[in-house]
Amino acid sequence: MPQQMIWFFVSIAFSFIAWGIVTARYIWPELRLRSRVEALRPLLVLHSFRFIGLAVLVPGVVSPDLPPTFAHFVAYGDIIAAILALFSLLLLPSAPGVATAWIFNLWGAAELLNVFYQGNQSGLLAGQLGATFFLPTLIVPLLLITHGLGFRILLQHQPAPAMQESRHPAYRHSGFCL
């Protein structure tokens, strides 16, 4: 394995760790107390920025050696995810809005995992990503984590908040969590 790929995967691993801490410490404690619709909204807004995946189609931003099939998977998969996120926001809080949020979350998570698979299958080298190197090393881990939160929120019974506060106030503020 080329050394650039080792640093690439180390960067992705650190990003998952850092975003996992941010999510556990700051994001989930806020979202878990909201209704399903209100907890989904910030996640959908975040994913509406997935149009940024179109950057892999811009010559000069990525290496000319970037496999075109891989670039198309990234670009078109991300723009579809962004459209579904925006459509979900438009339709919420209605039942079709929740259904669209399910479709978005299923599509978006599968698309990100497929891009990792396609990159591996095409022999992608980290340097071929050029200026878009930050997408899989910084942004994609956050997007995958928030898809996990999206599934958790969508699976909750409503209209109660996504998760009630702990019945043990000492545990909530003990500083024990990350």
Protein backbone atom coordinates (compact mmCIF):
# COMPACT_ATOMS: atom_id res chain seq x y z
CA MET A 1 0.00 0.00 0.00
CA PRO A 2 1.47 3.38 -0.99
CA GLN A 3 2.39 5.62 1.93
CA GLN A 4 -0.05 8.32 0.74
CA MET A 5 -2.88 5.82 1.30
CA ILE A 6 -1.73 5.10 4.85
CA TRP A 7 -1.92 8.81 5.68
CA PHE A 8 -5.26 9.01 3.89
CA PHE A 9 -6.78 6.24 6.03
CA VAL A 10 -5.20 7.60 9.20
CA SER A 11 -6.81 10.97 8.42
CA ILE A 12 -10.21 9.31 7.94
CA ALA A 13 -9.83 7.37 11.20
CA PHE A 14 -8.93 10.51 13.18
CA SER A 15 -11.86 12.31 11.61
CA PHE A 16 -14.27 9.57 12.74
CA ILE A 17 -12.84 9.78 16.26
CA ALA A 18 -13.02 13.58 16.42
CA TRP A 19 -16.53 13.80 14.92
CA GLY A 20 -17.63 10.94 17.18
CA ILE A 21 -16.56 12.96 20.22
CA VAL A 22 -18.25 16.12 18.91
CA THR A 23 -21.42 14.14 18.21
CA ALA A 24 -21.49 12.39 21.59
CA ARG A 25 -20.65 15.53 23.55
CA TYR A 26 -22.52 18.29 21.70
CA ILE A 27 -24.79 17.17 18.86
CA TRP A 28 -26.70 14.17 20.26
CA PRO A 29 -27.39 15.77 23.68
CA GLU A 30 -29.17 18.59 21.84
CA LEU A 31 -31.03 16.50 19.27
CA ARG A 32 -32.23 13.74 21.61
CA LEU A 33 -34.56 16.09 23.46
CA ARG A 34 -36.32 17.32 20.31
CA SER A 35 -39.27 15.86 18.46
CA ARG A 36 -38.41 13.71 15.44
CA VAL A 37 -39.06 16.51 12.95
CA GLU A 38 -37.12 19.12 14.91
CA ALA A 39 -34.22 16.70 15.42
CA LEU A 40 -34.10 15.86 11.71
CA ARG A 41 -34.04 19.45 10.46
CA PRO A 42 -30.41 20.34 11.37
CA LEU A 43 -29.18 17.02 9.96
CA LEU A 44 -31.02 17.63 6.70
CA VAL A 45 -29.65 21.18 6.47
CA LEU A 46 -26.12 19.83 6.89
CA HIS A 47 -26.66 17.29 4.13
CA SER A 48 -28.11 19.91 1.79
CA PHE A 49 -24.48 21.02 1.33
CA ARG A 50 -23.61 17.73 -0.36
CA PHE A 51 -23.66 19.55 -3.70
CA ILE A 52 -19.98 20.16 -2.88
CA GLY A 53 -19.34 16.66 -4.28
CA LEU A 54 -19.73 18.18 -7.74
CA ALA A 55 -16.21 19.59 -7.23
CA VAL A 56 -14.77 16.25 -8.39
CA LEU A 57 -16.02 17.06 -11.90
CA VAL A 58 -14.08 20.35 -12.12
CA PRO A 59 -10.81 20.07 -14.04
CA GLY A 60 -7.88 21.39 -12.02
CA VAL A 61 -9.57 20.72 -8.69
CA VAL A 62 -8.85 16.99 -8.97
CA SER A 63 -6.05 15.17 -10.76
CA PRO A 64 -6.65 14.39 -14.43
CA ASP A 65 -5.86 10.80 -13.38
CA LEU A 66 -8.94 10.59 -11.16
CA PRO A 67 -11.00 7.68 -12.51
CA PRO A 68 -14.00 9.26 -14.29
CA THR A 69 -16.38 6.51 -13.16
CA PHE A 70 -15.45 7.21 -9.55
CA ALA A 71 -15.92 10.97 -10.05
CA HIS A 72 -19.40 10.39 -11.49
CA PHE A 73 -20.41 8.16 -8.56
CA VAL A 74 -19.33 10.90 -6.14
CA ALA A 75 -20.81 13.87 -7.96
CA TYR A 76 -24.17 12.48 -8.97
CA GLY A 77 -24.71 10.50 -5.79
CA ASP A 78 -24.03 13.58 -3.69
CA ILE A 79 -26.25 15.92 -5.71
CA ILE A 80 -29.11 13.43 -5.46
CA ALA A 81 -28.55 13.26 -1.68
CA ALA A 82 -28.58 17.08 -1.45
CA ILE A 83 -31.83 17.27 -3.44
CA LEU A 84 -33.46 14.61 -1.26
CA ALA A 85 -32.35 16.45 1.90
CA LEU A 86 -33.82 19.73 0.64
CA PHE A 87 -37.02 18.00 -0.48
CA SER A 88 -37.34 16.42 2.97
CA LEU A 89 -36.96 19.83 4.61
CA LEU A 90 -39.63 21.24 2.33
CA LEU A 91 -42.11 18.47 3.13
CA LEU A 92 -41.55 18.20 6.89
CA PRO A 93 -43.44 17.90 9.25
CA SER A 94 -45.91 15.98 7.06
CA ALA A 95 -45.91 12.20 6.72
CA PRO A 96 -44.52 12.50 3.15
CA GLY A 97 -41.70 14.59 4.64
CA VAL A 98 -40.82 11.84 7.10
CA ALA A 99 -41.02 9.27 4.29
CA THR A 100 -38.71 11.41 2.15
CA ALA A 101 -36.32 11.73 5.10
CA TRP A 102 -36.20 7.91 5.23
CA ILE A 103 -35.48 7.75 1.49
CA PHE A 104 -32.80 10.44 1.84
CA ASN A 105 -31.15 8.70 4.79
CA LEU A 106 -31.12 5.31 3.07
CA TRP A 107 -29.83 6.78 -0.21
CA GLY A 108 -27.28 9.08 1.43
CA ALA A 109 -25.71 6.44 3.68
CA ALA A 110 -25.61 3.84 0.90
CA GLU A 111 -24.12 6.38 -1.50
CA LEU A 112 -21.27 7.28 0.87
CA LEU A 113 -20.46 3.63 1.54
CA ASN A 114 -20.63 2.90 -2.20
CA VAL A 115 -18.16 5.70 -2.91
CA PHE A 116 -15.66 4.16 -0.48
CA TYR A 117 -16.17 0.81 -2.21
CA GLN A 118 -15.85 2.33 -5.71
CA GLY A 119 -12.69 4.17 -4.71
CA ASN A 120 -11.16 0.93 -3.50
CA GLN A 121 -12.28 -0.99 -6.61
CA SER A 122 -10.89 1.64 -8.99
CA GLY A 123 -7.48 1.74 -7.30
CA LEU A 124 -7.96 5.35 -6.25
CA LEU A 125 -4.89 7.05 -4.82
CA ALA A 126 -5.36 9.86 -2.30
CA GLY A 127 -3.35 12.30 -4.42
CA GLN A 128 -5.81 11.91 -7.30
CA LEU A 129 -8.43 13.70 -5.19
CA GLY A 130 -6.42 16.93 -5.37
CA ALA A 131 -8.17 19.78 -3.53
CA THR A 132 -11.12 17.49 -2.73
CA PHE A 133 -8.92 15.41 -0.38
CA PHE A 134 -10.74 17.09 2.51
CA LEU A 135 -14.10 15.59 1.50
CA PRO A 136 -13.42 11.96 2.50
CA THR A 137 -11.00 12.89 5.27
CA LEU A 138 -13.07 15.57 7.01
CA ILE A 139 -16.63 15.74 5.69
CA VAL A 140 -17.62 12.14 4.88
CA PRO A 141 -17.04 10.84 8.44
CA LEU A 142 -19.36 13.58 9.77
CA LEU A 143 -21.95 12.74 7.13
CA LEU A 144 -21.86 9.02 7.96
CA ILE A 145 -22.17 9.73 11.69
CA THR A 146 -25.13 12.04 11.09
CA HIS A 147 -26.76 9.37 8.92
CA GLY A 148 -26.48 7.09 11.95
CA LEU A 149 -28.17 9.77 14.05
CA GLY A 150 -30.82 10.16 11.36
CA PHE A 151 -31.67 6.46 11.52
CA ARG A 152 -31.82 6.60 15.32
CA ILE A 153 -34.16 9.59 15.22
CA LEU A 154 -36.36 8.12 12.49
CA LEU A 155 -36.77 4.89 14.45
CA GLN A 156 -38.01 6.67 17.60
CA HIS A 157 -41.67 6.65 18.55
CA GLN A 158 -43.24 10.08 18.28
CA PRO A 159 -44.34 12.73 19.31
CA ALA A 160 -42.02 12.27 22.33
CA PRO A 161 -38.49 13.66 22.09
CA ALA A 162 -35.97 11.36 20.41
CA MET A 163 -34.81 10.24 23.85
CA GLN A 164 -35.81 11.39 27.31
CA GLU A 165 -33.22 12.93 29.60
CA SER A 166 -31.56 10.60 32.05
CA ARG A 167 -33.55 9.97 35.19
CA HIS A 168 -30.30 10.27 37.09
CA PRO A 169 -29.26 13.95 37.10
CA ALA A 170 -25.91 13.09 38.66
CA TYR A 171 -24.94 11.14 35.53
CA ARG A 172 -25.93 13.93 33.18
CA HIS A 173 -23.51 16.48 34.59
CA SER A 174 -20.84 14.31 36.16
CA GLY A 175 -18.35 15.12 33.41
CA PHE A 176 -17.90 11.39 32.87
CA CYS A 177 -18.91 11.46 29.19
CA LEU A 178 -16.56 12.54 26.47
